Amino acid sequence: MCTEQEELWILALAANKLLLASQLLFRGTADACLAHPRDIMRTAMRLACEKNAVGFLLAHNHPSGELTPSNEDWAFTQTVISCGRLFQIPLIDHLVVTRAGYTSMRSLNETLFLSGLWPEAPDSTGGARRYKARPKSRSYLNRT
């Protein structure tokens, strides 16, 4: 990965989790990378058809060297997980890569990858975890 600009890569996986293909999807600036879930899913579906991929990983770098995923990284990942479920091509993990190493977002929040739900902060009534449903998308078909 380029260390001066953010990049987003997709890695297609076989049923046995072996790497079938990898592709650079987006290249951004020193601190941002504009990406859209539809473009990710278009590539994931193409790789599923052409390479028989059954799942995929996303990997993006932080040129700043910060290994911690940002709030935007989490929100984007949640959206891609939802899209992957819809097309039955699951997002297996999203990696944040720096020169110092990488962070697996799945290892930080397994619940998000398994259920698609994002945990909220504990409430004051005993600390039970609550989960927020995925945001509903606005469809142009519903507009009149």
C-alpha atoms as a PDB file:
ATOM      1  CA  MET A   1       0.000   0.000   0.000  1.00  0.00           C
ATOM      2  CA  CYS A   2       1.048   3.555  -0.654  1.00  0.00           C
ATOM      3  CA  THR A   3       2.179   5.266   2.529  1.00  0.00           C
ATOM      4  CA  GLU A   4       1.562   8.867   1.431  1.00  0.00           C
ATOM      5  CA  GLN A   5      -2.101   8.593   0.401  1.00  0.00           C
ATOM      6  CA  GLU A   6      -5.011   6.579   1.734  1.00  0.00           C
ATOM      7  CA  GLU A   7      -5.894   3.562  -0.367  1.00  0.00           C
ATOM      8  CA  LEU A   8      -8.761   1.103  -0.139  1.00  0.00           C
ATOM      9  CA  TRP A   9      -8.197  -2.469  -1.353  1.00  0.00           C
ATOM     10  CA  ILE A  10     -10.562  -5.413  -1.749  1.00  0.00           C
ATOM     11  CA  LEU A  11      -9.314  -8.966  -1.283  1.00  0.00           C
ATOM     12  CA  ALA A  12     -11.508 -11.798  -2.561  1.00  0.00           C
ATOM     13  CA  LEU A  13     -11.495 -15.039  -0.591  1.00  0.00           C
ATOM     14  CA  ALA A  14     -12.272 -18.648  -1.500  1.00  0.00           C
ATOM     15  CA  ALA A  15     -14.378 -20.881   0.755  1.00  0.00           C
ATOM     16  CA  ASN A  16     -11.182 -22.086   2.477  1.00  0.00           C
ATOM     17  CA  LYS A  17     -10.186 -18.405   3.080  1.00  0.00           C
ATOM     18  CA  LEU A  18      -7.357 -18.472   0.538  1.00  0.00           C
ATOM     19  CA  LEU A  19      -6.754 -15.253  -1.364  1.00  0.00           C
ATOM     20  CA  LEU A  20      -8.161 -15.398  -4.894  1.00  0.00           C
ATOM     21  CA  ALA A  21      -7.601 -11.811  -6.017  1.00  0.00           C
ATOM     22  CA  SER A  22      -6.840  -8.323  -4.762  1.00  0.00           C
ATOM     23  CA  GLN A  23      -7.611  -4.985  -6.330  1.00  0.00           C
ATOM     24  CA  LEU A  24      -7.018  -1.340  -5.513  1.00  0.00           C
ATOM     25  CA  LEU A  25     -10.440   0.320  -5.448  1.00  0.00           C
ATOM     26  CA  PHE A  26      -9.732   3.905  -4.400  1.00  0.00           C
ATOM     27  CA  ARG A  27      -6.783   6.199  -3.777  1.00  0.00           C
ATOM     28  CA  GLY A  28      -7.341   9.368  -1.813  1.00  0.00           C
ATOM     29  CA  THR A  29      -5.375  12.080  -0.068  1.00  0.00           C
ATOM     30  CA  ALA A  30      -3.075  12.084   2.945  1.00  0.00           C
ATOM     31  CA  ASP A  31      -6.024  11.875   5.335  1.00  0.00           C
ATOM     32  CA  ALA A  32      -9.116  10.781   3.392  1.00  0.00           C
ATOM     33  CA  CYS A  33     -10.310   8.375   0.763  1.00  0.00           C
ATOM     34  CA  LEU A  34     -13.672   8.820  -0.922  1.00  0.00           C
ATOM     35  CA  ALA A  35     -15.286   5.402  -1.350  1.00  0.00           C
ATOM     36  CA  HIS A  36     -18.822   4.245  -2.025  1.00  0.00           C
ATOM     37  CA  PRO A  37     -20.325   0.895  -0.962  1.00  0.00           C
ATOM     38  CA  ARG A  38     -21.909   0.341  -4.398  1.00  0.00           C
ATOM     39  CA  ASP A  39     -18.469   0.371  -6.025  1.00  0.00           C
ATOM     40  CA  ILE A  40     -17.173  -2.093  -3.440  1.00  0.00           C
ATOM     41  CA  MET A  41     -20.143  -4.409  -3.964  1.00  0.00           C
ATOM     42  CA  ARG A  42     -19.838  -4.157  -7.749  1.00  0.00           C
ATOM     43  CA  THR A  43     -16.271  -5.431  -7.484  1.00  0.00           C
ATOM     44  CA  ALA A  44     -17.194  -8.046  -4.858  1.00  0.00           C
ATOM     45  CA  MET A  45     -19.978  -9.400  -7.103  1.00  0.00           C
ATOM     46  CA  ARG A  46     -17.675  -9.478 -10.126  1.00  0.00           C
ATOM     47  CA  LEU A  47     -15.032 -11.374  -8.146  1.00  0.00           C
ATOM     48  CA  ALA A  48     -17.689 -13.749  -6.800  1.00  0.00           C
ATOM     49  CA  CYS A  49     -18.742 -14.570 -10.364  1.00  0.00           C
ATOM     50  CA  GLU A  50     -15.342 -14.611 -12.061  1.00  0.00           C
ATOM     51  CA  LYS A  51     -13.186 -16.094  -9.293  1.00  0.00           C
ATOM     52  CA  ASN A  52     -15.849 -17.982  -7.285  1.00  0.00           C
ATOM     53  CA  ALA A  53     -15.160 -15.814  -4.216  1.00  0.00           C
ATOM     54  CA  VAL A  54     -17.427 -16.438  -1.231  1.00  0.00           C
ATOM     55  CA  GLY A  55     -16.384 -13.443   0.892  1.00  0.00           C
ATOM     56  CA  PHE A  56     -14.053 -10.497   0.941  1.00  0.00           C
ATOM     57  CA  LEU A  57     -11.783  -8.366   3.078  1.00  0.00           C
ATOM     58  CA  LEU A  58     -11.316  -4.639   2.887  1.00  0.00           C
ATOM     59  CA  ALA A  59      -7.981  -3.075   3.759  1.00  0.00           C
ATOM     60  CA  HIS A  60      -7.126   0.590   3.914  1.00  0.00           C
ATOM     61  CA  ASN A  61      -4.098   2.422   5.180  1.00  0.00           C
ATOM     62  CA  HIS A  62      -3.669   5.334   7.538  1.00  0.00           C
ATOM     63  CA  PRO A  63      -0.656   7.361   6.327  1.00  0.00           C
ATOM     64  CA  SER A  64      -0.659   9.096   9.719  1.00  0.00           C
ATOM     65  CA  GLY A  65       0.450   5.840  11.325  1.00  0.00           C
ATOM     66  CA  GLU A  66      -2.633   5.681  13.570  1.00  0.00           C
ATOM     67  CA  LEU A  67      -3.750   2.045  13.923  1.00  0.00           C
ATOM     68  CA  THR A  68      -7.081   2.860  15.579  1.00  0.00           C
ATOM     69  CA  PRO A  69     -10.093   2.854  13.224  1.00  0.00           C
ATOM     70  CA  SER A  70     -11.878   6.215  13.059  1.00  0.00           C
ATOM     71  CA  ASN A  71     -15.601   6.714  13.648  1.00  0.00           C
ATOM     72  CA  GLU A  72     -15.956   7.091   9.879  1.00  0.00           C
ATOM     73  CA  ASP A  73     -14.174   3.757   9.387  1.00  0.00           C
ATOM     74  CA  TRP A  74     -16.696   2.078  11.713  1.00  0.00           C
ATOM     75  CA  ALA A  75     -19.740   3.657  10.061  1.00  0.00           C
ATOM     76  CA  PHE A  76     -18.490   2.787   6.584  1.00  0.00           C
ATOM     77  CA  THR A  77     -17.729  -0.789   7.623  1.00  0.00           C
ATOM     78  CA  GLN A  78     -21.214  -1.206   9.063  1.00  0.00           C
ATOM     79  CA  THR A  79     -22.721  -0.072   5.747  1.00  0.00           C
ATOM     80  CA  VAL A  80     -20.559  -2.473   3.728  1.00  0.00           C
ATOM     81  CA  ILE A  81     -21.469  -5.348   6.073  1.00  0.00           C
ATOM     82  CA  SER A  82     -25.146  -4.630   5.404  1.00  0.00           C
ATOM     83  CA  CYS A  83     -24.571  -4.564   1.649  1.00  0.00           C
ATOM     84  CA  GLY A  84     -22.607  -7.799   1.765  1.00  0.00           C
ATOM     85  CA  ARG A  85     -25.429  -9.518   3.617  1.00  0.00           C
ATOM     86  CA  LEU A  86     -27.914  -8.368   1.022  1.00  0.00           C
ATOM     87  CA  PHE A  87     -25.868  -9.921  -1.795  1.00  0.00           C
ATOM     88  CA  GLN A  88     -24.724 -12.908   0.321  1.00  0.00           C
ATOM     89  CA  ILE A  89     -21.066 -11.992  -0.155  1.00  0.00           C
ATOM     90  CA  PRO A  90     -19.980 -11.290   3.428  1.00  0.00           C
ATOM     91  CA  LEU A  91     -17.353  -8.825   4.529  1.00  0.00           C
ATOM     92  CA  ILE A  92     -15.058 -11.053   6.598  1.00  0.00           C
ATOM     93  CA  ASP A  93     -12.864  -8.286   8.049  1.00  0.00           C
ATOM     94  CA  HIS A  94     -11.719  -4.719   7.483  1.00  0.00           C
ATOM     95  CA  LEU A  95      -8.048  -4.045   8.146  1.00  0.00           C
ATOM     96  CA  VAL A  96      -6.392  -0.737   8.987  1.00  0.00           C
ATOM     97  CA  VAL A  97      -2.784  -0.868   7.808  1.00  0.00           C
ATOM     98  CA  THR A  98       0.200   1.314   8.734  1.00  0.00           C
ATOM     99  CA  ARG A  99       3.965   0.952   8.517  1.00  0.00           C
ATOM    100  CA  ALA A 100       3.913  -0.336  12.094  1.00  0.00           C
ATOM    101  CA  GLY A 101       1.414  -3.133  11.435  1.00  0.00           C
ATOM    102  CA  TYR A 102      -2.317  -3.577  11.081  1.00  0.00           C
ATOM    103  CA  THR A 103      -5.522  -3.676  13.106  1.00  0.00           C
ATOM    104  CA  SER A 104      -8.354  -6.099  12.440  1.00  0.00           C
ATOM    105  CA  MET A 105     -11.648  -4.289  12.930  1.00  0.00           C
ATOM    106  CA  ARG A 106     -13.338  -7.671  13.370  1.00  0.00           C
ATOM    107  CA  SER A 107     -11.084  -8.465  16.331  1.00  0.00           C
ATOM    108  CA  LEU A 108     -12.120  -5.143  17.912  1.00  0.00           C
ATOM    109  CA  ASN A 109     -15.861  -5.706  17.406  1.00  0.00           C
ATOM    110  CA  GLU A 110     -16.854  -9.259  16.515  1.00  0.00           C
ATOM    111  CA  THR A 111     -20.520  -8.424  17.209  1.00  0.00           C
ATOM    112  CA  LEU A 112     -20.657  -5.952  14.338  1.00  0.00           C
ATOM    113  CA  PHE A 113     -19.397  -8.533  11.863  1.00  0.00           C
ATOM    114  CA  LEU A 114     -21.670 -11.307  13.160  1.00  0.00           C
ATOM    115  CA  SER A 115     -24.917  -9.420  13.707  1.00  0.00           C
ATOM    116  CA  GLY A 116     -24.522  -6.152  11.836  1.00  0.00           C
ATOM    117  CA  LEU A 117     -25.446  -4.299  15.028  1.00  0.00           C
ATOM    118  CA  TRP A 118     -23.331  -1.577  16.541  1.00  0.00           C
ATOM    119  CA  PRO A 119     -23.118  -1.579  20.354  1.00  0.00           C
ATOM    120  CA  GLU A 120     -24.097   1.613  22.121  1.00  0.00           C
ATOM    121  CA  ALA A 121     -22.622   2.861  25.353  1.00  0.00           C
ATOM    122  CA  PRO A 122     -24.033   1.110  28.435  1.00  0.00           C
ATOM    123  CA  ASP A 123     -27.067   2.803  29.907  1.00  0.00           C
ATOM    124  CA  SER A 124     -27.334   3.863  33.528  1.00  0.00           C
ATOM    125  CA  THR A 125     -29.736   1.047  34.467  1.00  0.00           C
ATOM    126  CA  GLY A 126     -27.223  -1.670  35.137  1.00  0.00           C
ATOM    127  CA  GLY A 127     -24.788  -1.431  32.251  1.00  0.00           C
ATOM    128  CA  ALA A 128     -26.588  -3.807  29.904  1.00  0.00           C
ATOM    129  CA  ARG A 129     -25.404  -3.525  26.336  1.00  0.00           C
ATOM    130  CA  ARG A 130     -27.896  -2.278  23.842  1.00  0.00           C
ATOM    131  CA  TYR A 131     -27.592  -2.564  20.113  1.00  0.00           C
ATOM    132  CA  LYS A 132     -28.659  -0.047  17.585  1.00  0.00           C
ATOM    133  CA  ALA A 133     -30.263  -1.315  14.402  1.00  0.00           C
ATOM    134  CA  ARG A 134     -28.527  -0.545  11.149  1.00  0.00           C
ATOM    135  CA  PRO A 135     -29.626   2.732   9.593  1.00  0.00           C
ATOM    136  CA  LYS A 136     -32.313   2.364   6.969  1.00  0.00           C
ATOM    137  CA  SER A 137     -31.438   3.610   3.544  1.00  0.00           C
ATOM    138  CA  ARG A 138     -33.604   6.107   1.757  1.00  0.00           C
ATOM    139  CA  SER A 139     -34.841   4.767  -1.487  1.00  0.00           C
ATOM    140  CA  TYR A 140     -35.601   6.974  -4.436  1.00  0.00           C
ATOM    141  CA  LEU A 141     -38.581   4.692  -5.078  1.00  0.00           C
ATOM    142  CA  ASN A 142     -40.260   5.905  -1.876  1.00  0.00           C
ATOM    143  CA  ARG A 143     -40.086   9.544  -2.881  1.00  0.00           C
ATOM    144  CA  THR A 144     -43.137  11.069  -4.523  1.00  0.00           C
END
